[in-house]
Protein backbone atom coordinates (compact mmCIF):
# COMPACT_ATOMS: atom_id res chain seq x y z
CA MET A 1 0.00 0.00 0.00
CA ILE A 2 1.29 3.46 -0.93
CA VAL A 3 1.84 5.82 2.02
CA ARG A 4 -0.34 8.93 2.10
CA VAL A 5 0.16 12.20 3.96
CA TYR A 6 -2.64 14.21 5.56
CA ILE A 7 -2.59 17.75 6.92
CA ASP A 8 -4.31 18.23 10.26
CA LYS A 9 -7.24 20.69 10.26
CA GLU A 10 -5.80 22.78 13.10
CA LEU A 11 -2.58 23.23 11.16
CA SER A 12 -4.25 23.96 7.83
CA SER A 13 -6.49 26.56 9.48
CA LYS A 14 -3.41 28.52 10.54
CA PHE A 15 -1.33 27.88 7.41
CA GLN A 16 -3.99 27.63 4.73
CA ASP A 17 -1.64 27.34 1.76
CA ILE A 18 0.80 24.79 3.16
CA LEU A 19 1.34 21.92 0.71
CA VAL A 20 3.36 18.69 0.69
CA GLU A 21 4.22 15.99 -1.82
CA LEU A 22 5.28 12.38 -1.30
CA SER A 23 7.29 9.90 -3.32
CA GLU A 24 7.97 6.25 -2.65
CA ILE A 25 10.86 4.30 -4.20
CA ALA A 26 11.25 0.56 -3.68
CA GLY A 27 14.34 -1.60 -4.04
CA ILE A 28 17.08 1.00 -3.63
CA SER A 29 20.69 0.10 -2.87
CA VAL A 30 22.35 2.30 -0.24
CA VAL A 31 26.14 2.23 -0.05
CA PRO A 32 28.69 4.34 1.86
CA LYS A 33 30.02 6.03 -1.26
CA ASN A 34 29.28 6.03 -4.97
CA ASN A 35 32.14 7.22 -7.19
CA VAL A 36 29.82 8.22 -10.04
CA LEU A 37 27.79 10.24 -7.55
CA GLU A 38 30.98 11.87 -6.23
CA ASP A 39 31.76 13.07 -9.76
CA PHE A 40 28.23 14.41 -10.09
CA LYS A 41 28.64 16.27 -6.79
CA LYS A 42 31.53 18.19 -8.34
CA ILE A 43 29.29 19.38 -11.17
CA ILE A 44 26.65 20.61 -8.71
CA ILE A 45 29.30 22.32 -6.59
CA GLU A 46 30.64 24.23 -9.57
CA GLU A 47 27.12 25.29 -10.54
CA VAL A 48 26.55 26.65 -7.03
CA ARG A 49 29.83 28.58 -7.03
CA LYS A 50 28.94 30.09 -10.39
CA ASN A 51 25.35 31.04 -9.60
CA TYR A 52 25.22 32.09 -5.93
CA THR A 53 26.86 34.43 -3.45
CA LEU A 54 26.68 34.39 0.33
CA ASP A 55 25.20 37.89 0.43
CA GLY A 56 22.48 37.15 -2.10
CA LEU A 57 21.49 33.66 -0.98
CA LYS A 58 19.02 34.74 1.71
CA ASP A 59 17.04 36.67 -0.90
CA ASP A 60 16.41 33.68 -3.18
CA SER A 61 12.62 33.46 -3.47
CA ILE A 62 12.19 29.89 -2.18
CA ILE A 63 14.79 30.19 0.58
CA ARG A 64 13.16 33.45 1.67
CA LYS A 65 9.82 31.64 2.05
CA TYR A 66 11.39 29.01 4.27
CA ARG A 67 13.09 31.71 6.33
CA ASP A 68 9.80 33.60 6.77
CA PHE A 69 8.06 30.38 7.81
CA TYR A 70 10.78 29.59 10.32
CA TRP A 71 10.25 32.96 12.01
CA ARG A 72 6.50 32.33 12.15
CA VAL A 73 6.94 29.03 14.02
CA GLY A 74 9.61 30.32 16.38
CA ILE A 75 12.78 29.10 14.66
CA ASP A 76 15.65 31.52 14.08
CA PRO A 77 16.77 30.80 10.49
CA THR A 78 20.14 32.43 11.12
CA LYS A 79 20.86 29.65 13.65
CA ILE A 80 18.92 26.73 12.17
CA ARG A 81 19.05 27.35 8.44
CA PRO A 82 16.72 25.89 5.83
CA ALA A 83 18.27 22.69 4.50
CA SER A 84 19.15 23.85 0.99
CA GLU A 85 20.54 27.15 2.26
CA ALA A 86 22.77 25.33 4.76
CA LEU A 87 24.13 23.04 2.03
CA ILE A 88 24.73 25.88 -0.42
CA ARG A 89 26.45 27.93 2.28
CA ARG A 90 28.83 25.04 2.93
CA ILE A 91 29.84 25.10 -0.72
CA LEU A 92 30.28 28.88 -0.78
CA HIS A 93 32.42 28.64 2.36
CA ASP A 94 34.60 26.06 0.57
CA LYS A 95 33.54 23.31 2.96
CA PRO A 96 32.90 19.80 1.64
CA LEU A 97 29.37 18.53 1.32
CA PRO A 98 28.59 15.87 3.93
CA THR A 99 29.10 12.27 2.84
CA ILE A 100 26.40 10.32 4.67
CA ASN A 101 25.40 7.53 2.32
CA SER A 102 24.55 7.33 -1.36
CA ALA A 103 20.82 7.96 -0.84
CA ALA A 104 21.16 10.88 1.58
CA ASP A 105 23.90 12.46 -0.54
CA THR A 106 21.67 12.15 -3.59
CA TYR A 107 18.57 13.81 -2.17
CA ASN A 108 20.80 16.53 -0.69
CA LEU A 109 21.87 17.36 -4.24
CA ALA A 110 18.23 17.54 -5.29
CA SER A 111 17.57 19.93 -2.42
CA ILE A 112 20.49 22.10 -3.52
CA LYS A 113 19.14 22.21 -7.08
CA THR A 114 15.51 22.94 -6.19
CA HIS A 115 15.88 24.63 -2.76
CA ILE A 116 13.05 22.44 -1.44
CA ALA A 117 13.42 20.76 1.96
CA ILE A 118 13.24 16.97 1.64
CA GLY A 119 12.53 14.44 4.37
CA ALA A 120 13.49 10.82 3.82
CA PHE A 121 12.34 7.76 5.74
CA ASP A 122 12.93 4.01 5.76
CA ARG A 123 9.59 2.60 4.57
CA SER A 124 9.95 -0.53 6.72
CA LYS A 125 9.98 1.59 9.90
CA LEU A 126 6.79 3.51 9.15
CA LYS A 127 3.40 2.49 10.51
CA GLY A 128 0.45 3.51 8.37
CA ASN A 129 -0.04 6.91 6.79
CA LEU A 130 1.59 10.22 7.72
CA ASN A 131 0.07 13.23 9.43
CA LEU A 132 1.37 16.81 9.37
CA ARG A 133 0.26 18.47 12.62
CA PHE A 134 1.21 20.51 15.65
CA ALA A 135 3.12 18.69 18.37
CA ARG A 136 1.15 17.66 21.45
CA GLU A 137 2.14 18.53 24.99
CA ASN A 138 5.08 16.47 26.32
CA GLU A 139 5.75 14.63 23.05
CA ASN A 140 9.43 13.90 22.64
CA PHE A 141 11.64 13.55 19.60
CA LEU A 142 15.10 12.16 18.87
CA GLY A 143 16.39 13.58 15.61
CA ILE A 144 19.35 12.61 13.47
CA GLY A 145 22.53 13.79 15.15
CA MET A 146 20.90 14.39 18.55
CA GLU A 147 22.37 12.69 21.62
CA ASP A 148 19.18 12.92 23.68
CA ALA A 149 15.50 13.23 22.91
CA ARG A 150 13.89 16.59 23.63
CA ILE A 151 10.40 17.59 24.68
CA LEU A 152 8.62 19.42 21.89
CA LYS A 153 6.70 22.67 22.21
CA SER A 154 3.05 22.74 21.22
CA ASN A 155 3.67 25.31 18.46
CA GLU A 156 6.20 23.05 16.70
CA ILE A 157 5.06 21.31 13.54
CA VAL A 158 5.74 17.61 13.23
CA VAL A 159 5.22 14.71 10.87
CA SER A 160 3.98 11.54 12.53
CA ASP A 161 2.92 8.11 11.44
CA GLU A 162 0.30 6.14 13.39
CA GLU A 163 2.72 5.46 16.25
CA LYS A 164 5.42 8.13 16.48
CA ILE A 165 6.90 11.41 15.35
CA ILE A 166 9.19 10.92 12.36
CA ALA A 167 10.22 14.54 11.73
CA VAL A 168 10.12 18.07 13.07
CA TYR A 169 8.87 19.96 10.03
CA PRO A 170 10.57 21.00 7.83
CA TYR A 171 14.13 20.62 9.05
CA ARG A 172 14.99 17.45 11.02
CA ASP A 173 14.14 13.78 10.52
CA SER A 174 13.91 11.13 13.20
CA ASP A 175 16.95 9.01 13.95
CA PHE A 176 14.75 5.90 14.10
CA THR A 177 13.37 6.20 10.56
CA LYS A 178 16.47 7.57 8.81
CA ILE A 179 17.90 5.99 5.65
CA THR A 180 20.66 3.48 6.42
CA TYR A 181 22.67 0.90 4.49
CA ASP A 182 19.91 -1.61 5.32
CA THR A 183 17.16 0.51 3.75
CA LYS A 184 15.53 -1.04 0.69
CA ASP A 185 12.38 1.06 0.35
CA THR A 186 12.14 4.78 1.03
CA VAL A 187 9.43 7.39 1.43
CA LEU A 188 10.42 10.95 0.51
CA LEU A 189 8.54 14.01 1.78
CA PHE A 190 8.78 17.31 -0.09
CA CYS A 191 8.12 20.00 2.45
CA GLY A 192 6.20 23.04 1.33
CA VAL A 193 5.68 26.23 3.30
CA PRO A 194 3.31 29.14 2.62
CA GLY A 195 4.08 30.73 -0.74
CA ILE A 196 5.65 27.66 -2.30
CA GLU A 197 3.48 26.34 -5.12
CA ARG A 198 2.67 22.71 -5.77
CA LYS A 199 4.47 22.83 -9.13
CA GLU A 200 7.70 23.63 -7.26
CA LEU A 201 7.22 20.63 -4.98
CA ILE A 202 6.41 18.40 -7.95
CA ASN A 203 9.55 19.60 -9.72
CA ALA A 204 11.60 18.70 -6.62
CA ARG A 205 9.87 15.31 -6.39
CA ASP A 206 10.50 14.45 -10.02
CA LEU A 207 14.16 15.52 -9.88
CA THR A 208 14.76 13.61 -6.65
CA ASP A 209 13.10 10.48 -8.04
CA ARG A 210 15.36 10.72 -11.08
CA TYR A 211 18.51 11.23 -9.01
CA ILE A 212 17.69 8.42 -6.56
CA THR A 213 16.94 5.87 -9.27
CA GLN A 214 20.02 6.96 -11.20
CA PHE A 215 22.47 6.58 -8.31
CA CYS A 216 20.69 4.10 -5.99
CA GLY A 217 18.49 2.11 -8.34
CA GLY A 218 14.98 1.15 -7.35
CA GLU A 219 11.49 1.62 -8.77
CA ILE A 220 9.19 4.58 -8.27
CA LYS A 221 5.88 3.44 -6.79
CA GLY A 222 2.42 4.88 -7.33
């Protein structure tokens, strides 16, 4: 069964134009490093250096929408930057892109190209459909790279399945559902914020699907 994502009424009443897209790819192969992908990274890095500056990056139309949304939900985007902005800034500061695994590195490149935030989850660790909603009182969350779980605030936006929170939206995925070398099937979430149109999310979805199947194999479902 294909995973669906639903937006909670309380959330949609406050952010009426928030949109999301999903993609599901089965049978991927995740490895520590892919040499063909490493060569492709170099092409993307050169494109970024040619087309962006540190001073102008914050004024990109899509990045600006994420930044504005962050402020609205109580996140300082100068401290916790939107995903694509953080990756592009690394390049412009002459820092290497992170090498996590072939799947994560691939969807990071798609995020750089499209500026859309992308969540990625191991399909086998999801229970039922997904729900985009506000966090409930005393819910806790252990994200990728966190040493300890933290208690969430009620104004924070989360993605949950039928059992647990799998992401704080739109910037950190759960450690439990992250893509690993054992992952065979993945669900990708393309995170819209107010002002971002569905066509921009669909463009990010289609590019990511193409990149993932090119460098990790697999079959697009649905």
